[in-house]
Amino acid sequence: MQKLTRGKCLLKEELKSHGRTQSWLARRTGYSRQQISNWIAGRDKMSFEAAVLISRILECKAEDLYEWELA
């Protein structure tokens, strides 16, 4: 059985491609800028709910917010 592993957070790249900032996303989601920074830096992994919310705001897929590896 293969295992899917979440790798690097790609939120910074998604924000940049949309011309948006962490502060803008914090205002739109209600998450703190520090929490968003923690996700981007890999200090925390975002919850499924956070990923879906952010993906809807940025009009991308939740799976686009991370690199994924099959192990």
PDB file of N, CA and C in Angstrom:
ATOM      1  N   MET A   1       0.843  -1.186   0.000  1.00  0.00           N
ATOM      2  CA  MET A   1       0.000   0.000   0.000  1.00  0.00           C
ATOM      3  C   MET A   1       0.885   1.246   0.000  1.00  0.00           C
ATOM      4  N   GLN A   2       0.597   2.164  -0.887  1.00  0.00           N
ATOM      5  CA  GLN A   2       1.377   3.392  -0.957  1.00  0.00           C
ATOM      6  C   GLN A   2       0.848   4.413   0.038  1.00  0.00           C
ATOM      7  N   LYS A   3       1.772   5.210   0.532  1.00  0.00           N
ATOM      8  CA  LYS A   3       1.416   6.253   1.492  1.00  0.00           C
ATOM      9  C   LYS A   3       1.650   7.617   0.843  1.00  0.00           C
ATOM     10  N   LEU A   4       0.694   8.507   1.018  1.00  0.00           N
ATOM     11  CA  LEU A   4       0.803   9.867   0.502  1.00  0.00           C
ATOM     12  C   LEU A   4       1.318  10.762   1.620  1.00  0.00           C
ATOM     13  N   THR A   5       2.411  11.469   1.351  1.00  0.00           N
ATOM     14  CA  THR A   5       3.041  12.323   2.355  1.00  0.00           C
ATOM     15  C   THR A   5       2.999  13.775   1.900  1.00  0.00           C
ATOM     16  N   ARG A   6       2.608  14.645   2.828  1.00  0.00           N
ATOM     17  CA  ARG A   6       2.562  16.081   2.550  1.00  0.00           C
ATOM     18  C   ARG A   6       3.969  16.642   2.684  1.00  0.00           C
ATOM     19  N   GLY A   7       4.421  17.352   1.662  1.00  0.00           N
ATOM     20  CA  GLY A   7       5.755  17.942   1.668  1.00  0.00           C
ATOM     21  C   GLY A   7       5.704  19.439   1.944  1.00  0.00           C
ATOM     22  N   LYS A   8       6.482  20.173   1.180  1.00  0.00           N
ATOM     23  CA  LYS A   8       6.612  21.620   1.347  1.00  0.00           C
ATOM     24  C   LYS A   8       5.285  22.329   1.093  1.00  0.00           C
ATOM     25  N   CYS A   9       5.015  23.333   1.921  1.00  0.00           N
ATOM     26  CA  CYS A   9       3.835  24.173   1.731  1.00  0.00           C
ATOM     27  C   CYS A   9       4.092  25.124   0.560  1.00  0.00           C
ATOM     28  N   LEU A  10       3.132  25.201  -0.346  1.00  0.00           N
ATOM     29  CA  LEU A  10       3.251  26.052  -1.536  1.00  0.00           C
ATOM     30  C   LEU A  10       2.372  27.299  -1.449  1.00  0.00           C
ATOM     31  N   LEU A  11       1.906  27.610  -0.244  1.00  0.00           N
ATOM     32  CA  LEU A  11       1.013  28.754  -0.068  1.00  0.00           C
ATOM     33  C   LEU A  11       1.680  30.065  -0.477  1.00  0.00           C
ATOM     34  N   LYS A  12       2.947  30.229  -0.160  1.00  0.00           N
ATOM     35  CA  LYS A  12       3.657  31.462  -0.525  1.00  0.00           C
ATOM     36  C   LYS A  12       3.623  31.668  -2.041  1.00  0.00           C
ATOM     37  N   GLU A  13       3.860  30.592  -2.792  1.00  0.00           N
ATOM     38  CA  GLU A  13       3.846  30.674  -4.246  1.00  0.00           C
ATOM     39  C   GLU A  13       2.437  30.964  -4.766  1.00  0.00           C
ATOM     40  N   GLU A  14       1.434  30.337  -4.160  1.00  0.00           N
ATOM     41  CA  GLU A  14       0.046  30.595  -4.574  1.00  0.00           C
ATOM     42  C   GLU A  14      -0.328  32.059  -4.328  1.00  0.00           C
ATOM     43  N   LEU A  15       0.037  32.582  -3.153  1.00  0.00           N
ATOM     44  CA  LEU A  15      -0.257  33.986  -2.853  1.00  0.00           C
ATOM     45  C   LEU A  15       0.431  34.902  -3.864  1.00  0.00           C
ATOM     46  N   LYS A  16       1.705  34.619  -4.139  1.00  0.00           N
ATOM     47  CA  LYS A  16       2.463  35.451  -5.075  1.00  0.00           C
ATOM     48  C   LYS A  16       1.835  35.423  -6.466  1.00  0.00           C
ATOM     49  N   SER A  17       1.400  34.251  -6.906  1.00  0.00           N
ATOM     50  CA  SER A  17       0.818  34.147  -8.251  1.00  0.00           C
ATOM     51  C   SER A  17      -0.503  34.907  -8.364  1.00  0.00           C
ATOM     52  N   HIS A  18      -1.152  35.152  -7.222  1.00  0.00           N
ATOM     53  CA  HIS A  18      -2.400  35.915  -7.208  1.00  0.00           C
ATOM     54  C   HIS A  18      -2.173  37.380  -6.815  1.00  0.00           C
ATOM     55  N   GLY A  19      -0.914  37.758  -6.580  1.00  0.00           N
ATOM     56  CA  GLY A  19      -0.603  39.131  -6.196  1.00  0.00           C
ATOM     57  C   GLY A  19      -1.133  39.491  -4.818  1.00  0.00           C
ATOM     58  N   ARG A  20      -1.170  38.517  -3.926  1.00  0.00           N
ATOM     59  CA  ARG A  20      -1.733  38.719  -2.585  1.00  0.00           C
ATOM     60  C   ARG A  20      -0.674  38.502  -1.513  1.00  0.00           C
ATOM     61  N   THR A  21      -0.953  39.026  -0.315  1.00  0.00           N
ATOM     62  CA  THR A  21      -0.019  38.926   0.802  1.00  0.00           C
ATOM     63  C   THR A  21      -0.585  38.042   1.910  1.00  0.00           C
ATOM     64  N   GLN A  22       0.289  37.690   2.836  1.00  0.00           N
ATOM     65  CA  GLN A  22      -0.144  36.935   4.011  1.00  0.00           C
ATOM     66  C   GLN A  22      -1.149  37.744   4.824  1.00  0.00           C
ATOM     67  N   SER A  23      -0.934  39.027   4.943  1.00  0.00           N
ATOM     68  CA  SER A  23      -1.860  39.884   5.695  1.00  0.00           C
ATOM     69  C   SER A  23      -3.238  39.904   5.049  1.00  0.00           C
ATOM     70  N   TRP A  24      -3.280  39.972   3.730  1.00  0.00           N
ATOM     71  CA  TRP A  24      -4.556  39.934   3.010  1.00  0.00           C
ATOM     72  C   TRP A  24      -5.283  38.626   3.298  1.00  0.00           C
ATOM     73  N   LEU A  25      -4.547  37.515   3.237  1.00  0.00           N
ATOM     74  CA  LEU A  25      -5.157  36.211   3.487  1.00  0.00           C
ATOM     75  C   LEU A  25      -5.638  36.103   4.930  1.00  0.00           C
ATOM     76  N   ALA A  26      -4.879  36.661   5.855  1.00  0.00           N
ATOM     77  CA  ALA A  26      -5.289  36.649   7.265  1.00  0.00           C
ATOM     78  C   ALA A  26      -6.623  37.377   7.438  1.00  0.00           C
ATOM     79  N   ARG A  27      -6.757  38.521   6.800  1.00  0.00           N
ATOM     80  CA  ARG A  27      -8.023  39.268   6.895  1.00  0.00           C
ATOM     81  C   ARG A  27      -9.180  38.482   6.279  1.00  0.00           C
ATOM     82  N   ARG A  28      -8.937  37.810   5.169  1.00  0.00           N
ATOM     83  CA  ARG A  28     -10.000  37.062   4.474  1.00  0.00           C
ATOM     84  C   ARG A  28     -10.422  35.795   5.214  1.00  0.00           C
ATOM     85  N   THR A  29      -9.478  35.157   5.919  1.00  0.00           N
ATOM     86  CA  THR A  29      -9.765  33.861   6.539  1.00  0.00           C
ATOM     87  C   THR A  29     -10.059  33.928   8.029  1.00  0.00           C
ATOM     88  N   GLY A  30      -9.548  34.962   8.699  1.00  0.00           N
ATOM     89  CA  GLY A  30      -9.671  35.011  10.151  1.00  0.00           C
ATOM     90  C   GLY A  30      -8.514  34.329  10.869  1.00  0.00           C
ATOM     91  N   TYR A  31      -7.619  33.678  10.117  1.00  0.00           N
ATOM     92  CA  TYR A  31      -6.406  33.118  10.717  1.00  0.00           C
ATOM     93  C   TYR A  31      -5.406  34.255  10.900  1.00  0.00           C
ATOM     94  N   SER A  32      -4.564  34.150  11.911  1.00  0.00           N
ATOM     95  CA  SER A  32      -3.576  35.203  12.144  1.00  0.00           C
ATOM     96  C   SER A  32      -2.491  35.152  11.073  1.00  0.00           C
ATOM     97  N   ARG A  33      -1.850  36.292  10.859  1.00  0.00           N
ATOM     98  CA  ARG A  33      -0.736  36.336   9.921  1.00  0.00           C
ATOM     99  C   ARG A  33       0.377  35.413  10.404  1.00  0.00           C
ATOM    100  N   GLN A  34       0.537  35.324  11.729  1.00  0.00           N
ATOM    101  CA  GLN A  34       1.558  34.435  12.299  1.00  0.00           C
ATOM    102  C   GLN A  34       1.258  32.974  11.974  1.00  0.00           C
ATOM    103  N   GLN A  35      -0.013  32.581  12.056  1.00  0.00           N
ATOM    104  CA  GLN A  35      -0.382  31.197  11.726  1.00  0.00           C
ATOM    105  C   GLN A  35      -0.093  30.907  10.259  1.00  0.00           C
ATOM    106  N   ILE A  36      -0.421  31.835   9.397  1.00  0.00           N
ATOM    107  CA  ILE A  36      -0.148  31.665   7.968  1.00  0.00           C
ATOM    108  C   ILE A  36       1.353  31.565   7.733  1.00  0.00           C
ATOM    109  N   SER A  37       2.122  32.396   8.417  1.00  0.00           N
ATOM    110  CA  SER A  37       3.577  32.339   8.330  1.00  0.00           C
ATOM    111  C   SER A  37       4.100  30.982   8.802  1.00  0.00           C
ATOM    112  N   ASN A  38       3.511  30.441   9.854  1.00  0.00           N
ATOM    113  CA  ASN A  38       3.921  29.126  10.363  1.00  0.00           C
ATOM    114  C   ASN A  38       3.669  28.029   9.333  1.00  0.00           C
ATOM    115  N   TRP A  39       2.547  28.103   8.626  1.00  0.00           N
ATOM    116  CA  TRP A  39       2.271  27.117   7.571  1.00  0.00           C
ATOM    117  C   TRP A  39       3.318  27.224   6.468  1.00  0.00           C
ATOM    118  N   ILE A  40       3.579  28.438   6.034  1.00  0.00           N
ATOM    119  CA  ILE A  40       4.523  28.659   4.933  1.00  0.00           C
ATOM    120  C   ILE A  40       5.922  28.183   5.306  1.00  0.00           C
ATOM    121  N   ALA A  41       6.330  28.433   6.545  1.00  0.00           N
ATOM    122  CA  ALA A  41       7.665  28.048   7.005  1.00  0.00           C
ATOM    123  C   ALA A  41       7.765  26.567   7.362  1.00  0.00           C
ATOM    124  N   GLY A  42       6.637  25.864   7.367  1.00  0.00           N
ATOM    125  CA  GLY A  42       6.651  24.445   7.697  1.00  0.00           C
ATOM    126  C   GLY A  42       6.664  24.148   9.181  1.00  0.00           C
ATOM    127  N   ARG A  43       6.418  25.168  10.005  1.00  0.00           N
ATOM    128  CA  ARG A  43       6.369  24.946  11.458  1.00  0.00           C
ATOM    129  C   ARG A  43       5.076  24.256  11.872  1.00  0.00           C
ATOM    130  N   ASP A  44       4.017  24.446  11.101  1.00  0.00           N
ATOM    131  CA  ASP A  44       2.715  23.800  11.315  1.00  0.00           C
ATOM    132  C   ASP A  44       2.200  23.338   9.962  1.00  0.00           C
ATOM    133  N   LYS A  45       1.323  22.351   9.988  1.00  0.00           N
ATOM    134  CA  LYS A  45       0.611  21.920   8.780  1.00  0.00           C
ATOM    135  C   LYS A  45      -0.825  22.409   8.901  1.00  0.00           C
ATOM    136  N   MET A  46      -1.350  22.970   7.831  1.00  0.00           N
ATOM    137  CA  MET A  46      -2.728  23.473   7.909  1.00  0.00           C
ATOM    138  C   MET A  46      -3.717  22.314   7.953  1.00  0.00           C
ATOM    139  N   SER A  47      -4.808  22.552   8.635  1.00  0.00           N
ATOM    140  CA  SER A  47      -5.873  21.553   8.718  1.00  0.00           C
ATOM    141  C   SER A  47      -6.550  21.426   7.360  1.00  0.00           C
ATOM    142  N   PHE A  48      -7.289  20.348   7.194  1.00  0.00           N
ATOM    143  CA  PHE A  48      -8.057  20.152   5.962  1.00  0.00           C
ATOM    144  C   PHE A  48      -9.019  21.317   5.761  1.00  0.00           C
ATOM    145  N   GLU A  49      -9.682  21.735   6.844  1.00  0.00           N
ATOM    146  CA  GLU A  49     -10.650  22.838   6.757  1.00  0.00           C
ATOM    147  C   GLU A  49      -9.978  24.131   6.313  1.00  0.00           C
ATOM    148  N   ALA A  50      -8.795  24.410   6.865  1.00  0.00           N
ATOM    149  CA  ALA A  50      -8.064  25.618   6.475  1.00  0.00           C
ATOM    150  C   ALA A  50      -7.658  25.548   5.006  1.00  0.00           C
ATOM    151  N   ALA A  51      -7.193  24.386   4.573  1.00  0.00           N
ATOM    152  CA  ALA A  51      -6.769  24.225   3.179  1.00  0.00           C
ATOM    153  C   ALA A  51      -7.938  24.428   2.215  1.00  0.00           C
ATOM    154  N   VAL A  52      -9.101  23.892   2.560  1.00  0.00           N
ATOM    155  CA  VAL A  52     -10.271  24.055   1.690  1.00  0.00           C
ATOM    156  C   VAL A  52     -10.700  25.517   1.648  1.00  0.00           C
ATOM    157  N   LEU A  53     -10.733  26.175   2.808  1.00  0.00           N
ATOM    158  CA  LEU A  53     -11.111  27.590   2.850  1.00  0.00           C
ATOM    159  C   LEU A  53     -10.164  28.428   1.994  1.00  0.00           C
ATOM    160  N   ILE A  54      -8.872  28.233   2.186  1.00  0.00           N
ATOM    161  CA  ILE A  54      -7.877  29.008   1.442  1.00  0.00           C
ATOM    162  C   ILE A  54      -7.967  28.711  -0.050  1.00  0.00           C
ATOM    163  N   SER A  55      -8.153  27.455  -0.395  1.00  0.00           N
ATOM    164  CA  SER A  55      -8.250  27.108  -1.817  1.00  0.00           C
ATOM    165  C   SER A  55      -9.466  27.753  -2.471  1.00  0.00           C
ATOM    166  N   ARG A  56     -10.541  27.873  -1.746  1.00  0.00           N
ATOM    167  CA  ARG A  56     -11.723  28.544  -2.314  1.00  0.00           C
ATOM    168  C   ARG A  56     -11.472  30.033  -2.501  1.00  0.00           C
ATOM    169  N   ILE A  57     -10.779  30.641  -1.550  1.00  0.00           N
ATOM    170  CA  ILE A  57     -10.464  32.070  -1.652  1.00  0.00           C
ATOM    171  C   ILE A  57      -9.504  32.325  -2.816  1.00  0.00           C
ATOM    172  N   LEU A  58      -8.493  31.459  -2.953  1.00  0.00           N
ATOM    173  CA  LEU A  58      -7.485  31.639  -4.005  1.00  0.00           C
ATOM    174  C   LEU A  58      -7.883  30.984  -5.332  1.00  0.00           C
ATOM    175  N   GLU A  59      -9.046  30.335  -5.342  1.00  0.00           N
ATOM    176  CA  GLU A  59      -9.543  29.664  -6.542  1.00  0.00           C
ATOM    177  C   GLU A  59      -8.532  28.666  -7.099  1.00  0.00           C
ATOM    178  N   CYS A  60      -8.058  27.794  -6.212  1.00  0.00           N
ATOM    179  CA  CYS A  60      -7.175  26.704  -6.601  1.00  0.00           C
ATOM    180  C   CYS A  60      -7.675  25.438  -5.907  1.00  0.00           C
ATOM    181  N   LYS A  61      -6.988  24.342  -6.087  1.00  0.00           N
ATOM    182  CA  LYS A  61      -7.349  23.104  -5.401  1.00  0.00           C
ATOM    183  C   LYS A  61      -6.600  23.043  -4.074  1.00  0.00           C
ATOM    184  N   ALA A  62      -7.216  22.456  -3.053  1.00  0.00           N
ATOM    185  CA  ALA A  62      -6.561  22.325  -1.752  1.00  0.00           C
ATOM    186  C   ALA A  62      -5.237  21.577  -1.891  1.00  0.00           C
ATOM    187  N   GLU A  63      -5.192  20.600  -2.773  1.00  0.00           N
ATOM    188  CA  GLU A  63      -3.961  19.826  -2.949  1.00  0.00           C
ATOM    189  C   GLU A  63      -2.837  20.664  -3.558  1.00  0.00           C
ATOM    190  N   ASP A  64      -3.173  21.819  -4.171  1.00  0.00           N
ATOM    191  CA  ASP A  64      -2.155  22.704  -4.744  1.00  0.00           C
ATOM    192  C   ASP A  64      -1.383  23.469  -3.675  1.00  0.00           C
ATOM    193  N   LEU A  65      -1.827  23.411  -2.438  1.00  0.00           N
ATOM    194  CA  LEU A  65      -1.194  24.181  -1.368  1.00  0.00           C
ATOM    195  C   LEU A  65       0.021  23.483  -0.764  1.00  0.00           C
ATOM    196  N   TYR A  66       0.262  22.222  -1.164  1.00  0.00           N
ATOM    197  CA  TYR A  66       1.422  21.460  -0.693  1.00  0.00           C
ATOM    198  C   TYR A  66       1.998  20.641  -1.834  1.00  0.00           C
ATOM    199  N   GLU A  67       3.286  20.306  -1.711  1.00  0.00           N
ATOM    200  CA  GLU A  67       3.865  19.274  -2.553  1.00  0.00           C
ATOM    201  C   GLU A  67       3.429  17.940  -1.959  1.00  0.00           C
ATOM    202  N   TRP A  68       3.206  16.941  -2.787  1.00  0.00           N
ATOM    203  CA  TRP A  68       2.762  15.621  -2.325  1.00  0.00           C
ATOM    204  C   TRP A  68       3.704  14.561  -2.880  1.00  0.00           C
ATOM    205  N   GLU A  69       4.025  13.578  -2.026  1.00  0.00           N
ATOM    206  CA  GLU A  69       4.924  12.500  -2.433  1.00  0.00           C
ATOM    207  C   GLU A  69       4.291  11.154  -2.108  1.00  0.00           C
ATOM    208  N   LEU A  70       4.426  10.218  -3.034  1.00  0.00           N
ATOM    209  CA  LEU A  70       4.008   8.842  -2.776  1.00  0.00           C
ATOM    210  C   LEU A  70       5.211   8.083  -2.243  1.00  0.00           C
ATOM    211  N   ALA A  71       5.019   7.420  -1.115  1.00  0.00           N
ATOM    212  CA  ALA A  71       6.125   6.660  -0.508  1.00  0.00           C
ATOM    213  C   ALA A  71       5.804   5.182  -0.509  1.00  0.00           C
TER     214      ALA A  71
END
